Protein backbone atom coordinates (compact mmCIF):
# COMPACT_ATOMS: atom_id res chain seq x y z
CA MET A 1 6.47 3.85 21.56
CA SER A 2 2.79 3.06 20.74
CA ILE A 3 2.14 3.29 17.12
CA LEU A 4 -1.63 3.32 15.81
CA VAL A 5 -1.82 1.68 12.53
CA THR A 6 -5.19 2.72 10.69
CA GLY A 7 -6.08 -0.42 8.10
CA GLY A 8 -3.68 -2.31 10.06
CA ALA A 9 -5.82 -5.50 9.25
CA GLY A 10 -5.22 -4.94 5.78
CA TYR A 11 -2.44 -6.28 3.03
CA ILE A 12 0.12 -3.39 3.41
CA GLY A 13 -0.83 -2.55 7.36
CA SER A 14 -0.63 -6.50 8.34
CA HIS A 15 3.11 -6.50 6.91
CA THR A 16 3.99 -3.21 8.53
CA CYS A 17 2.58 -4.56 11.84
CA VAL A 18 4.55 -7.31 11.49
CA LEU A 19 8.10 -5.18 11.53
CA LEU A 20 6.77 -2.62 14.02
CA LEU A 21 6.30 -5.35 16.43
CA GLU A 22 9.71 -7.19 15.61
CA ALA A 23 11.45 -3.64 15.90
CA GLY A 24 10.11 -3.61 19.43
CA TYR A 25 7.03 -1.05 18.88
CA ASP A 26 3.77 -1.54 20.68
CA VAL A 27 1.12 -1.65 17.94
CA VAL A 28 -2.46 -0.43 18.01
CA VAL A 29 -4.57 -1.31 14.75
CA LEU A 30 -7.85 0.43 13.88
CA ASP A 31 -9.67 -1.16 11.16
CA ASN A 32 -13.22 -1.39 9.97
CA LEU A 33 -12.71 -4.56 8.27
CA SER A 34 -14.60 -3.54 5.13
CA ASN A 35 -11.58 -4.80 2.96
CA SER A 36 -9.74 -6.87 5.23
CA SER A 37 -10.08 -9.80 7.77
CA PRO A 38 -9.77 -9.93 11.62
CA LYS A 39 -7.82 -13.16 11.10
CA SER A 40 -4.90 -11.38 9.56
CA ILE A 41 -4.31 -9.90 13.15
CA GLY A 42 -3.96 -13.49 14.87
CA ARG A 43 -1.62 -14.44 12.11
CA VAL A 44 0.60 -11.30 12.69
CA GLU A 45 0.71 -12.10 16.26
CA LYS A 46 1.73 -15.64 15.48
CA ILE A 47 4.51 -14.90 13.44
CA THR A 48 5.76 -12.10 15.75
CA GLY A 49 4.61 -13.97 19.34
CA LYS A 50 3.68 -10.43 20.34
CA LYS A 51 0.08 -8.95 20.86
CA ILE A 52 -1.66 -6.55 18.96
CA LYS A 53 -4.53 -4.06 20.49
CA PHE A 54 -6.93 -4.25 17.86
CA TYR A 55 -10.25 -1.98 17.55
CA GLU A 56 -12.79 -2.30 15.02
CA CYS A 57 -13.56 1.29 14.35
CA ASP A 58 -14.16 3.47 11.36
CA ILE A 59 -12.16 6.82 10.62
CA LEU A 60 -15.29 8.50 10.07
CA ASP A 61 -16.13 7.64 13.86
CA LYS A 62 -14.57 10.49 15.97
CA ASN A 63 -15.90 9.23 19.08
CA GLY A 64 -14.60 5.78 18.43
CA MET A 65 -11.21 7.01 17.65
CA ARG A 66 -11.18 9.29 20.80
CA LYS A 67 -11.84 6.19 22.85
CA ILE A 68 -8.52 4.48 21.12
CA PHE A 69 -6.49 7.83 22.06
CA LYS A 70 -7.49 7.85 25.37
CA GLU A 71 -6.83 4.28 26.11
CA ASN A 72 -3.51 4.07 24.48
CA ASP A 73 -0.41 6.51 24.71
CA ILE A 74 -0.17 6.83 20.96
CA ASP A 75 3.26 8.50 19.66
CA ALA A 76 2.36 8.33 16.09
CA VAL A 77 -0.04 7.33 13.29
CA ILE A 78 0.95 5.15 9.94
CA HIS A 79 -2.24 5.67 7.82
CA PHE A 80 -3.51 3.30 5.59
CA ALA A 81 -6.95 3.05 6.01
CA GLY A 82 -9.01 3.96 2.85
CA LEU A 83 -10.97 2.80 -0.30
CA LYS A 84 -8.52 2.07 -3.10
CA ALA A 85 -10.27 0.47 -6.23
CA VAL A 86 -9.79 2.94 -9.01
CA GLY A 87 -12.87 1.36 -11.30
CA GLU A 88 -15.18 1.77 -8.21
CA SER A 89 -13.71 5.20 -7.32
CA VAL A 90 -15.22 6.40 -11.00
CA ALA A 91 -18.43 4.65 -10.30
CA GLN A 92 -18.79 5.81 -6.69
CA PRO A 93 -16.83 8.93 -6.40
CA LEU A 94 -18.94 10.52 -3.30
CA LYS A 95 -18.28 7.11 -1.57
CA TYR A 96 -14.40 7.67 -2.04
CA TYR A 97 -14.34 11.44 -1.01
CA GLU A 98 -16.29 10.63 2.13
CA ASN A 99 -14.44 7.79 3.33
CA ASN A 100 -10.83 8.55 2.25
CA ILE A 101 -10.95 12.56 2.56
CA SER A 102 -13.55 13.08 5.22
CA GLY A 103 -12.12 10.27 7.26
CA THR A 104 -8.72 11.49 7.27
CA VAL A 105 -9.77 15.03 8.34
CA CYS A 106 -11.50 13.15 11.17
CA LEU A 107 -8.65 11.44 12.15
CA LEU A 108 -6.21 14.59 12.00
CA GLU A 109 -8.73 16.40 14.08
CA VAL A 110 -8.50 13.74 16.77
CA MET A 111 -4.65 13.55 16.51
CA ASN A 112 -4.62 17.18 17.20
CA GLU A 113 -7.00 17.01 20.31
CA PHE A 114 -4.64 14.43 21.75
CA ASN A 115 -1.42 16.42 20.51
CA VAL A 116 -0.18 13.44 18.56
CA LYS A 117 1.38 14.98 15.43
CA LYS A 118 3.38 12.34 13.65
CA MET A 119 1.95 10.74 10.66
CA VAL A 120 3.31 8.12 8.04
CA PHE A 121 0.70 8.58 4.96
CA SER A 122 0.06 5.97 2.45
CA SER A 123 -0.08 7.94 -0.50
CA SER A 124 0.21 6.37 -4.36
CA ALA A 125 2.23 6.94 -7.51
CA THR A 126 -1.17 7.73 -9.20
CA VAL A 127 -0.64 11.13 -7.96
CA TYR A 128 2.01 11.45 -10.81
CA GLY A 129 -1.15 11.40 -13.16
CA MET A 130 -0.07 10.30 -17.13
CA THR A 131 3.02 11.67 -17.48
CA ASP A 132 5.57 9.87 -19.97
CA LYS A 133 8.29 10.92 -17.80
CA VAL A 134 10.50 8.23 -16.20
CA PRO A 135 11.86 7.51 -13.82
CA LEU A 136 9.48 9.37 -11.87
CA THR A 137 10.80 11.82 -9.00
CA GLU A 138 9.12 13.39 -6.35
CA ASP A 139 9.48 17.05 -7.81
CA LEU A 140 7.32 16.26 -10.95
CA PRO A 141 4.21 17.92 -11.30
CA THR A 142 1.05 16.13 -9.89
CA SER A 143 -2.20 15.23 -11.19
CA ALA A 144 -4.97 12.52 -10.66
CA ASN A 145 -7.13 10.70 -13.26
CA SER A 146 -9.66 9.04 -11.19
CA PRO A 147 -11.19 10.06 -7.95
CA TYR A 148 -9.08 7.45 -5.94
CA GLY A 149 -6.16 9.18 -7.18
CA GLN A 150 -7.36 12.57 -6.55
CA THR A 151 -8.33 11.94 -2.81
CA LYS A 152 -4.50 10.55 -2.47
CA LEU A 153 -3.47 13.95 -3.73
CA MET A 154 -6.31 16.01 -1.78
CA ILE A 155 -4.88 14.29 1.45
CA GLU A 156 -1.44 15.03 0.43
CA GLN A 157 -2.34 18.82 0.01
CA ILE A 158 -4.47 18.62 3.46
CA LEU A 159 -1.52 17.32 5.13
CA THR A 160 1.01 19.89 3.63
CA ASP A 161 -1.40 22.69 4.57
CA LEU A 162 -1.78 21.44 7.99
CA ALA A 163 2.13 21.28 8.47
CA VAL A 164 2.25 24.84 7.45
CA SER A 165 -0.30 25.88 9.79
CA ASP A 166 1.45 24.15 12.78
CA LYS A 167 5.08 23.81 12.85
CA GLU A 168 5.02 20.95 15.48
CA TRP A 169 3.78 18.59 12.63
CA SER A 170 6.09 15.82 11.26
CA ILE A 171 4.63 14.19 8.11
CA SER A 172 5.91 11.49 5.63
CA LEU A 173 3.99 11.01 2.41
CA LEU A 174 5.08 7.90 0.84
CA ARG A 175 4.22 7.29 -2.75
CA TYR A 176 4.10 3.85 -3.49
CA PHE A 177 4.33 1.93 -6.64
CA ASN A 178 2.97 -1.66 -7.26
CA PRO A 179 3.22 -3.49 -4.15
CA VAL A 180 3.25 -7.42 -4.58
CA GLY A 181 4.66 -10.56 -2.73
CA ALA A 182 3.68 -11.67 0.97
CA HIS A 183 5.36 -12.41 4.12
CA GLU A 184 7.83 -15.63 3.38
CA SER A 185 6.02 -17.51 6.21
CA GLY A 186 3.05 -17.70 3.84
CA SER A 187 0.43 -16.75 6.34
CA ILE A 188 -0.39 -13.35 5.63
CA GLY A 189 -0.80 -11.75 1.97
CA GLU A 190 -2.82 -9.79 -0.38
CA ASN A 191 -6.43 -10.95 0.23
CA PRO A 192 -8.82 -9.32 -2.67
CA LYS A 193 -12.41 -9.90 -2.33
CA GLY A 194 -14.03 -11.03 -5.37
CA ILE A 195 -12.23 -10.82 -8.54
CA PRO A 196 -8.80 -9.02 -8.09
CA ASN A 197 -7.82 -5.56 -9.34
CA ASN A 198 -4.06 -6.16 -9.16
CA LEU A 199 -1.98 -8.25 -11.50
CA MET A 200 -0.26 -10.53 -9.13
CA PRO A 201 -3.23 -12.07 -7.07
CA TYR A 202 -5.14 -12.66 -10.51
CA ILE A 203 -1.78 -14.33 -11.80
CA THR A 204 -1.91 -16.63 -8.50
CA GLN A 205 -5.33 -17.27 -8.63
CA VAL A 206 -5.06 -18.68 -12.56
CA ALA A 207 -2.07 -20.42 -11.25
CA SER A 208 -4.19 -22.19 -8.24
CA GLY A 209 -7.07 -22.92 -10.79
CA LYS A 210 -9.61 -20.38 -8.93
CA LEU A 211 -9.48 -18.28 -12.24
CA GLU A 212 -9.51 -19.77 -15.74
CA GLN A 213 -7.37 -17.08 -17.65
CA LEU A 214 -5.37 -13.88 -17.11
CA SER A 215 -6.55 -10.89 -19.39
CA ILE A 216 -3.41 -8.76 -20.49
CA PHE A 217 -4.86 -5.31 -20.89
CA GLY A 218 -2.90 -3.96 -24.14
CA ASN A 219 -0.35 -5.82 -26.07
CA ASP A 220 0.77 -2.77 -28.68
CA TYR A 221 2.32 -0.16 -26.20
CA PRO A 222 5.86 1.12 -27.33
CA THR A 223 7.68 -1.42 -24.99
CA LYS A 224 9.96 -4.28 -25.74
CA ASP A 225 7.21 -6.73 -25.81
CA GLY A 226 3.86 -4.43 -26.19
CA THR A 227 2.75 -4.69 -22.57
CA GLY A 228 2.81 -2.09 -20.01
CA VAL A 229 5.70 -1.51 -17.70
CA ARG A 230 5.49 -1.09 -14.03
CA ASP A 231 7.66 -1.00 -10.80
CA TYR A 232 6.73 -4.04 -8.65
CA ILE A 233 7.92 -3.98 -4.96
CA HIS A 234 7.78 -6.71 -2.44
CA VAL A 235 5.48 -5.60 0.12
CA VAL A 236 7.97 -6.66 3.09
CA ASP A 237 10.29 -3.93 1.35
CA LEU A 238 7.37 -1.70 1.36
CA ALA A 239 6.58 -2.09 4.96
CA ASP A 240 10.17 -1.43 5.63
CA GLY A 241 9.82 1.87 4.21
CA HIS A 242 7.42 2.86 6.53
CA LEU A 243 9.67 2.10 9.61
CA LYS A 244 12.52 4.15 7.97
CA ALA A 245 9.86 7.03 7.84
CA LEU A 246 8.89 6.55 11.16
CA ASP A 247 12.34 6.91 12.42
CA LYS A 248 12.72 10.17 10.43
CA LEU A 249 9.98 11.63 11.84
CA ASN A 250 11.73 11.99 15.12
CA THR A 251 14.12 14.24 13.83
CA THR A 252 12.52 16.01 11.37
CA LYS A 253 9.36 18.56 11.28
CA GLY A 254 7.13 19.56 8.18
CA VAL A 255 6.19 17.53 5.57
CA MET A 256 8.75 14.81 3.76
CA ILE A 257 7.83 13.16 0.43
CA HIS A 258 9.42 9.69 -0.87
CA ASN A 259 8.70 7.24 -3.65
CA LEU A 260 8.76 3.63 -2.42
CA GLY A 261 9.88 1.80 -5.67
CA THR A 262 12.77 -0.38 -6.84
CA GLY A 263 13.55 1.80 -9.80
CA VAL A 264 13.15 -1.06 -12.14
CA GLY A 265 10.33 -1.57 -14.73
CA TYR A 266 8.96 -4.78 -15.25
CA SER A 267 6.40 -5.46 -18.30
CA VAL A 268 3.48 -7.41 -17.52
CA LEU A 269 4.99 -10.44 -19.74
CA ASP A 270 7.98 -9.81 -17.86
CA LEU A 271 6.02 -10.67 -14.52
CA VAL A 272 4.15 -13.75 -15.72
CA ASN A 273 7.30 -15.26 -17.29
CA ALA A 274 9.27 -14.35 -13.92
CA PHE A 275 6.38 -16.40 -12.02
CA GLN A 276 6.26 -19.07 -14.40
CA GLU A 277 9.93 -19.79 -13.66
CA ALA A 278 9.93 -19.01 -10.12
CA ASN A 279 7.37 -21.42 -9.46
CA ASN A 280 7.74 -24.03 -12.30
CA LEU A 281 4.03 -23.19 -13.37
CA LYS A 282 2.03 -22.37 -16.44
CA ILE A 283 0.01 -19.40 -16.71
CA ASN A 284 -2.89 -19.24 -19.34
CA TYR A 285 -3.28 -15.64 -20.52
CA LYS A 286 -4.81 -13.70 -23.65
CA PHE A 287 -4.49 -10.28 -24.89
CA ALA A 288 -7.38 -7.73 -24.29
CA PRO A 289 -7.71 -4.10 -25.41
CA ARG A 290 -5.98 -1.43 -23.60
CA ARG A 291 -7.84 -0.21 -20.39
CA PRO A 292 -8.58 3.70 -20.59
CA GLY A 293 -6.34 5.73 -18.38
CA ASP A 294 -3.43 3.07 -18.32
CA VAL A 295 -0.11 4.57 -18.67
CA VAL A 296 2.54 2.70 -21.01
CA THR A 297 5.52 2.93 -18.45
CA CYS A 298 5.72 3.84 -14.89
CA TYR A 299 8.50 3.23 -12.33
CA ALA A 300 10.28 5.14 -9.66
CA ASP A 301 13.57 7.10 -8.84
CA PRO A 302 13.68 5.71 -5.32
CA SER A 303 17.21 7.70 -4.67
CA LYS A 304 15.67 10.26 -2.58
CA ALA A 305 14.52 7.77 -0.26
CA LYS A 306 17.88 6.02 -0.25
CA LYS A 307 19.62 9.20 0.59
CA GLU A 308 17.26 10.73 3.21
CA LEU A 309 15.63 7.38 4.86
CA GLY A 310 18.50 5.06 4.48
CA TRP A 311 16.09 2.67 2.71
CA GLU A 312 15.98 0.82 -0.57
CA ALA A 313 14.32 -2.03 -1.73
CA LYS A 314 16.06 -5.57 -1.20
CA LYS A 315 13.79 -8.30 -2.69
CA SER A 316 13.96 -9.73 -6.33
CA VAL A 317 11.23 -10.34 -8.60
CA VAL A 318 11.91 -14.05 -8.20
CA ASP A 319 11.16 -13.27 -4.21
CA MET A 320 7.86 -11.56 -5.16
CA CYS A 321 6.82 -14.29 -7.41
CA ARG A 322 7.95 -16.95 -5.16
CA ASP A 323 6.10 -15.56 -1.84
CA SER A 324 3.07 -14.69 -3.85
CA TRP A 325 2.51 -18.12 -4.63
CA ASN A 326 3.60 -19.69 -1.53
CA TRP A 327 0.63 -17.30 0.47
CA GLN A 328 -1.69 -18.40 -2.41
CA LYS A 329 -1.38 -22.04 -2.41
CA ASN A 330 -1.25 -22.23 1.53
CA ASN A 331 -4.44 -20.11 1.49
CA PRO A 332 -6.22 -20.79 -1.65
CA ASN A 333 -9.47 -18.75 -0.36
CA GLY A 334 -7.17 -16.05 1.51
CA TYR A 335 -8.18 -15.82 5.05
CA ASP A 336 -11.49 -17.84 4.71
CA ASP A 337 -9.71 -20.99 4.77
């Protein structure tokens, strides 16, 4: 089977490509490289000893995508491609709506043309909005607090409407929590451009001396240590969830929704302390005011994914911290080294 992975040169996409190749799939990657490096493809090939067919292409480029579908017998699509920075989406909403939503519609139209009607979509726990209910279950009401979150929510709705209109579609909506970690080889990992938006790469860059200090936003939340609580999931566990969802598409029509998280909430200080202990390193940090829009506590109820997909997270917070540092210390400048 040939799987098209959009955004396959990115962080989660590259780790998913590793597992797809190891599972015996043929992998075709589409990526415009706006927020990723082509070097990740070479690293994936080195890890697996297998080849990826790579196309530098944008999901807004219909003719470019038609070429991919003409040249490859695609069975299903795993759709990661999209812009993903919450703050940037607030500053540049039109950029996000055009790229994420219009791009996905273009992709779906081309898939329809070639009668490819299986998709795993990279959604997000941001679709649960500002709810205080935990753990988060798939049947909770959805809302969005940023244009980025709104694009995930709107794409979920588009895919749901598509499946209602055409019963041949099989679609998996995977709502991620907080991906961290890296492949155990240390050769692929999270490679943010500029100052990281996410906690773990910020911690690793402080550990390496690339950044001076970590700012922890808020130490007055109603949690055990005053810092926000999140569900951190190892990126390899997350990638495995996509393979389990892909398997399920072969036997199920319509739309399925699953949380991909551990079901355990760790505070920011928990993660900092776990990183220090796992790697015997000191992280300099300071407390800063809360950021607007941050929820107090957010973690998954992953039981539906376990029951319906046979999937559950296996890697510990120690694995997450060790593998993140292994990637950073081997690649202090990411793929630019």
